[in-house]
Amino acid sequence: MEGKQVEYETSFQQQDNSFNWYHIKMIPIPDSDKKYFGLMIAISDITQRKITEQRLRSTMEQLTHQKVEEQKRITRAIINAQEKERNKMGLELHDNVNQLMASTRIYLTMVRKAISKKRDLVNKAIEYADSAIEEIRLLSRQQVTPVKNINLRELIQSLADQLNDTTGLHITFECLLPENLKVDNDLKLNIYRVIQEQLNNIYKHADASAVEIRMELKEKLIHITVMDNGRGFDTSKKKNGIGIANITNRVESYNGKVVIKSKAGKGCELNLSIPLSFPK
């Protein structure tokens, strides 16, 4: 009635429950006084075009999904290769470098017994050797993890105990996962690395005194929460650092999600949800 042309697409259900699509165009008809006295309606069957569009869209979505899954597989392969390299480096530290330091300490001890002068210098050298041996032991322990039959509960508890003893943090760990839960070893190892990464972030940057770690199973998803009482930060302003980027890459490669909740002066809460199964 206002003289506006109307144009739209719609579908109608047929007797066999299928749907046909139509393009509908309504054009007002004016007289010589520009008053509208009629309406012309044009209806075109566009069902075949819609079917073609839907097939094309479905194909594109499938290709996009395949590309995303392939990228995730590549990311997991890179992570696994890095894990093997870490294990190799940890074993080298423990078996070779640490043995050299231990031998150095033995010879220094022998020298200390043989001389009376300069004993303070030798004692200092032994002290440095002991410190280096301890540092190498801790580094190699962090790098090397079991490859088979990983006990995730024991691995994380051991990490928490170690940091409790060496960093001054008070870390509590609560694992509510069923004892008989079957989890892929690669996924277990990546969960361990993610928690290790976040604990290192907290120790280095958060100025926290207490950390809570919680793991549980909900609807075939492993939920992990790592919460600290540190300085926190504004999530809308702070850019993700390397540590958070590493965590996100690991979790997303297993179709998981990462959510960070934090406010300045209010600590930080890292929430992860990872499905038990993932395409290999």
Protein backbone atom coordinates (compact mmCIF):
# COMPACT_ATOMS: atom_id res chain seq x y z
CA MET A 1 0.00 0.00 0.00
CA GLU A 2 3.02 2.29 0.48
CA GLY A 3 4.35 1.47 -2.94
CA LYS A 4 7.34 -0.52 -1.68
CA GLN A 5 8.56 -3.57 -3.54
CA VAL A 6 8.80 -6.75 -1.47
CA GLU A 7 11.23 -9.57 -2.26
CA TYR A 8 12.17 -12.65 -0.25
CA GLU A 9 12.89 -16.38 -0.31
CA THR A 10 10.94 -18.99 1.61
CA SER A 11 10.29 -22.73 1.73
CA PHE A 12 7.08 -24.77 1.81
CA GLN A 13 6.68 -28.34 2.96
CA GLN A 14 5.37 -30.73 0.32
CA GLN A 15 3.10 -33.76 0.71
CA ASP A 16 6.10 -36.11 0.83
CA ASN A 17 7.56 -33.99 3.72
CA SER A 18 10.29 -32.56 1.51
CA PHE A 19 10.71 -28.80 1.10
CA ASN A 20 10.59 -26.69 -2.03
CA TRP A 21 12.18 -23.24 -2.09
CA TYR A 22 10.68 -20.22 -3.84
CA HIS A 23 11.77 -16.70 -4.66
CA ILE A 24 8.82 -14.36 -4.23
CA LYS A 25 8.65 -10.86 -5.62
CA MET A 26 5.71 -8.49 -5.08
CA ILE A 27 5.51 -5.31 -7.11
CA PRO A 28 2.82 -2.64 -6.48
CA ILE A 29 0.97 -1.31 -9.57
CA PRO A 30 0.18 2.45 -9.62
CA ASP A 31 -2.36 4.31 -11.77
CA SER A 32 -1.80 7.64 -13.49
CA ASP A 33 -2.36 9.47 -10.20
CA LYS A 34 0.31 7.30 -8.55
CA LYS A 35 -2.27 5.55 -6.43
CA TYR A 36 -1.76 1.83 -6.03
CA PHE A 37 -4.63 -0.27 -7.23
CA GLY A 38 -2.99 -3.62 -7.83
CA LEU A 39 -0.15 -6.00 -7.07
CA MET A 40 1.93 -8.19 -9.35
CA ILE A 41 3.37 -11.32 -7.78
CA ALA A 42 6.19 -13.33 -9.39
CA ILE A 43 7.09 -16.71 -7.92
CA SER A 44 10.14 -18.69 -9.05
CA ASP A 45 10.98 -22.23 -7.98
CA ILE A 46 14.60 -22.09 -6.75
CA THR A 47 14.69 -25.52 -5.06
CA GLN A 48 17.49 -26.87 -7.27
CA ARG A 49 19.62 -23.79 -6.65
CA LYS A 50 19.14 -24.15 -2.89
CA ILE A 51 20.05 -27.83 -3.01
CA THR A 52 23.23 -26.97 -4.92
CA GLU A 53 24.09 -24.21 -2.42
CA GLN A 54 23.50 -26.53 0.54
CA ARG A 55 25.69 -29.23 -0.99
CA LEU A 56 28.43 -26.71 -1.71
CA ARG A 57 28.18 -25.31 1.83
CA SER A 58 28.30 -28.81 3.30
CA THR A 59 31.35 -29.66 1.18
CA MET A 60 33.14 -26.46 2.23
CA GLU A 61 32.33 -27.09 5.90
CA GLN A 62 33.63 -30.65 5.60
CA LEU A 63 36.85 -29.47 3.94
CA THR A 64 37.31 -26.80 6.61
CA HIS A 65 36.73 -29.38 9.35
CA GLN A 66 39.23 -31.76 7.75
CA LYS A 67 41.79 -28.96 7.48
CA VAL A 68 41.33 -28.01 11.14
CA GLU A 69 41.63 -31.63 12.29
CA GLU A 70 44.74 -32.12 10.15
CA GLN A 71 46.30 -29.02 11.72
CA LYS A 72 45.51 -30.41 15.18
CA ARG A 73 47.15 -33.72 14.24
CA ILE A 74 50.25 -31.85 13.07
CA THR A 75 50.34 -29.86 16.32
CA ARG A 76 50.08 -33.08 18.38
CA ALA A 77 52.87 -34.64 16.32
CA ILE A 78 55.10 -31.60 16.95
CA ILE A 79 54.32 -31.71 20.68
CA ASN A 80 55.13 -35.43 20.84
CA ALA A 81 58.42 -34.84 18.99
CA GLN A 82 59.29 -32.06 21.44
CA GLU A 83 58.46 -34.40 24.31
CA LYS A 84 60.86 -37.04 22.99
CA GLU A 85 63.56 -34.38 22.66
CA ARG A 86 62.93 -33.22 26.24
CA ASN A 87 63.27 -36.78 27.48
CA LYS A 88 66.48 -37.21 25.51
CA MET A 89 67.91 -33.96 26.93
CA GLY A 90 66.88 -34.92 30.46
CA LEU A 91 68.58 -38.30 30.17
CA GLU A 92 71.73 -36.66 28.79
CA LEU A 93 71.76 -34.26 31.76
CA HIS A 94 71.32 -37.10 34.23
CA ASP A 95 73.53 -39.76 32.66
CA ASN A 96 76.38 -37.67 31.26
CA VAL A 97 76.64 -34.13 32.66
CA ASN A 98 75.64 -35.14 36.16
CA GLN A 99 78.17 -38.00 36.15
CA LEU A 100 80.93 -35.58 35.11
CA MET A 101 79.99 -33.24 37.96
CA ALA A 102 79.93 -36.15 40.41
CA SER A 103 83.41 -37.22 39.25
CA THR A 104 84.63 -33.63 39.64
CA ARG A 105 83.37 -33.60 43.21
CA ILE A 106 85.19 -36.86 44.00
CA TYR A 107 88.51 -35.48 42.72
CA LEU A 108 88.03 -32.22 44.64
CA THR A 109 87.37 -34.21 47.80
CA MET A 110 90.60 -36.14 47.24
CA VAL A 111 92.49 -32.86 46.75
CA ARG A 112 91.02 -31.46 49.95
CA LYS A 113 92.36 -34.43 51.90
CA ALA A 114 95.80 -34.08 50.33
CA ILE A 115 96.41 -30.40 51.06
CA SER A 116 96.01 -28.29 54.12
CA LYS A 117 96.41 -24.87 52.54
CA LYS A 118 93.78 -23.38 50.25
CA ARG A 119 91.25 -25.73 51.81
CA ASP A 120 88.62 -22.97 51.81
CA LEU A 121 88.91 -22.62 48.04
CA VAL A 122 88.49 -26.36 47.54
CA ASN A 123 85.50 -26.39 49.89
CA LYS A 124 83.94 -23.59 47.84
CA ALA A 125 84.53 -25.55 44.62
CA ILE A 126 82.87 -28.61 46.18
CA GLU A 127 79.94 -26.45 47.28
CA TYR A 128 79.49 -25.18 43.71
CA ALA A 129 79.73 -28.73 42.36
CA ASP A 130 77.03 -29.87 44.82
CA SER A 131 74.78 -26.98 43.74
CA ALA A 132 75.30 -27.83 40.06
CA ILE A 133 74.53 -31.51 40.69
CA GLU A 134 71.30 -30.61 42.48
CA GLU A 135 70.24 -28.20 39.74
CA ILE A 136 70.93 -30.80 37.04
CA ARG A 137 69.00 -33.41 39.04
CA LEU A 138 65.97 -31.11 39.27
CA LEU A 139 66.19 -30.14 35.59
CA SER A 140 66.47 -33.73 34.40
CA ARG A 141 63.57 -34.74 36.65
CA GLN A 142 61.39 -32.04 35.09
CA GLN A 143 62.32 -33.01 31.55
CA VAL A 144 62.04 -36.79 31.78
CA THR A 145 58.57 -38.33 32.11
CA PRO A 146 57.43 -41.93 31.71
CA VAL A 147 56.52 -42.86 28.14
CA LYS A 148 54.22 -45.79 28.96
CA ASN A 149 51.68 -46.53 31.70
CA ILE A 150 51.62 -42.93 32.92
CA ASN A 151 49.91 -42.49 36.27
CA LEU A 152 48.58 -38.96 35.91
CA ARG A 153 47.52 -38.63 39.54
CA GLU A 154 50.96 -39.64 40.87
CA LEU A 155 52.81 -37.54 38.28
CA ILE A 156 51.00 -34.31 39.20
CA GLN A 157 51.18 -35.03 42.92
CA SER A 158 54.93 -35.55 42.60
CA LEU A 159 55.23 -32.23 40.75
CA ALA A 160 53.20 -30.46 43.45
CA ASP A 161 55.32 -32.03 46.22
CA GLN A 162 58.55 -31.04 44.48
CA LEU A 163 57.46 -27.40 44.07
CA ASN A 164 56.17 -27.33 47.65
CA ASP A 165 59.66 -28.29 48.80
CA THR A 166 61.66 -25.99 46.53
CA THR A 167 59.62 -22.83 45.78
CA GLY A 168 57.78 -21.86 48.95
CA LEU A 169 54.41 -22.25 47.22
CA HIS A 170 51.71 -24.16 49.08
CA ILE A 171 50.15 -26.37 46.40
CA THR A 172 47.14 -28.60 47.03
CA PHE A 173 46.01 -31.17 44.48
CA GLU A 174 42.59 -32.83 44.34
CA CYS A 175 42.02 -35.53 41.73
CA LEU A 176 38.41 -36.74 41.38
CA LEU A 177 38.99 -38.78 38.23
CA PRO A 178 37.78 -42.41 38.47
CA GLU A 179 40.60 -44.84 39.25
CA ASN A 180 39.72 -47.05 36.25
CA LEU A 181 39.38 -44.15 33.78
CA LYS A 182 41.10 -44.95 30.48
CA VAL A 183 43.02 -41.97 29.14
CA ASP A 184 45.46 -41.97 26.21
CA ASN A 185 49.09 -41.67 27.39
CA ASP A 186 49.76 -38.76 25.03
CA LEU A 187 46.81 -36.87 26.51
CA LYS A 188 47.97 -37.64 30.07
CA LEU A 189 51.42 -36.31 29.29
CA ASN A 190 50.04 -33.13 27.75
CA ILE A 191 47.77 -32.52 30.76
CA TYR A 192 50.85 -32.88 32.96
CA ARG A 193 52.82 -30.43 30.80
CA VAL A 194 49.96 -27.91 30.83
CA ILE A 195 49.77 -27.97 34.63
CA GLN A 196 53.57 -27.80 34.86
CA GLU A 197 53.58 -24.76 32.55
CA GLN A 198 50.93 -22.95 34.58
CA LEU A 199 52.68 -23.67 37.88
CA ASN A 200 55.89 -22.24 36.40
CA ASN A 201 53.92 -19.15 35.29
CA ILE A 202 52.54 -18.74 38.81
CA TYR A 203 55.94 -19.16 40.44
CA LYS A 204 57.64 -16.68 38.09
CA HIS A 205 55.00 -13.99 37.69
CA ALA A 206 52.05 -14.24 40.09
CA ASP A 207 53.73 -13.52 43.45
CA ALA A 208 51.36 -16.11 44.92
CA SER A 209 51.62 -18.11 48.14
CA ALA A 210 48.95 -20.76 47.50
CA VAL A 211 47.78 -22.78 44.50
CA GLU A 212 44.85 -25.20 44.16
CA ILE A 213 44.73 -27.85 41.43
CA ARG A 214 41.54 -29.80 40.78
CA MET A 215 40.75 -32.48 38.18
CA GLU A 216 37.37 -34.11 37.60
CA LEU A 217 35.29 -35.82 34.93
CA LYS A 218 32.04 -34.29 33.64
CA GLU A 219 30.14 -35.56 30.61
CA LYS A 220 33.19 -37.26 29.06
CA LEU A 221 35.28 -34.11 29.54
CA ILE A 222 38.29 -33.84 31.83
CA HIS A 223 37.93 -30.53 33.67
CA ILE A 224 41.10 -29.03 35.16
CA THR A 225 41.24 -25.94 37.36
CA VAL A 226 44.47 -24.28 38.50
CA MET A 227 43.76 -21.37 40.86
CA ASP A 228 46.22 -19.11 42.68
CA ASN A 229 45.98 -16.21 45.15
CA GLY A 230 48.56 -14.05 43.36
CA ARG A 231 48.51 -10.55 41.97
CA GLY A 232 46.23 -11.41 39.03
CA PHE A 233 45.81 -9.25 35.93
CA ASP A 234 43.24 -7.59 33.70
CA THR A 235 42.40 -10.21 31.06
CA SER A 236 41.08 -7.54 28.68
CA LYS A 237 44.44 -5.74 28.62
CA LYS A 238 47.12 -8.32 29.23
CA LYS A 239 48.36 -10.10 26.12
CA ASN A 240 48.91 -13.84 26.18
CA GLY A 241 52.53 -14.71 26.85
CA ILE A 242 54.45 -17.70 25.58
CA GLY A 243 53.37 -19.81 28.56
CA ILE A 244 49.65 -19.25 27.96
CA ALA A 245 50.15 -19.72 24.20
CA ASN A 246 51.83 -23.09 24.85
CA ILE A 247 48.95 -24.15 27.09
CA THR A 248 46.35 -23.08 24.53
CA ASN A 249 48.12 -24.88 21.67
CA ARG A 250 48.38 -28.10 23.64
CA VAL A 251 44.76 -28.06 24.81
CA GLU A 252 43.23 -27.03 21.48
CA SER A 253 45.20 -29.72 19.64
CA TYR A 254 43.13 -32.22 21.64
CA ASN A 255 39.84 -30.39 20.86
CA GLY A 256 39.84 -28.79 24.31
CA LYS A 257 39.03 -25.28 25.51
CA VAL A 258 40.91 -22.80 27.71
CA VAL A 259 39.21 -20.15 29.88
CA ILE A 260 41.16 -17.69 32.04
CA LYS A 261 39.49 -15.73 34.83
CA SER A 262 41.51 -13.05 36.60
CA LYS A 263 41.37 -9.54 38.01
CA ALA A 264 44.15 -7.32 39.27
CA GLY A 265 44.82 -8.24 42.89
CA LYS A 266 42.34 -11.15 42.78
CA GLY A 267 44.52 -14.04 41.65
CA CYS A 268 44.04 -16.13 38.53
CA GLU A 269 41.90 -19.14 37.65
CA LEU A 270 42.80 -21.30 34.66
CA ASN A 271 40.01 -23.61 33.50
CA LEU A 272 40.58 -26.36 30.95
CA SER A 273 38.11 -28.83 29.46
CA ILE A 274 39.46 -31.65 27.28
CA PRO A 275 37.43 -34.49 25.74
CA LEU A 276 38.54 -38.02 26.57
CA SER A 277 38.54 -39.05 22.91
CA PHE A 278 40.06 -37.20 19.97
CA PRO A 279 40.73 -38.04 16.29
CA LYS A 280 44.20 -39.48 15.78
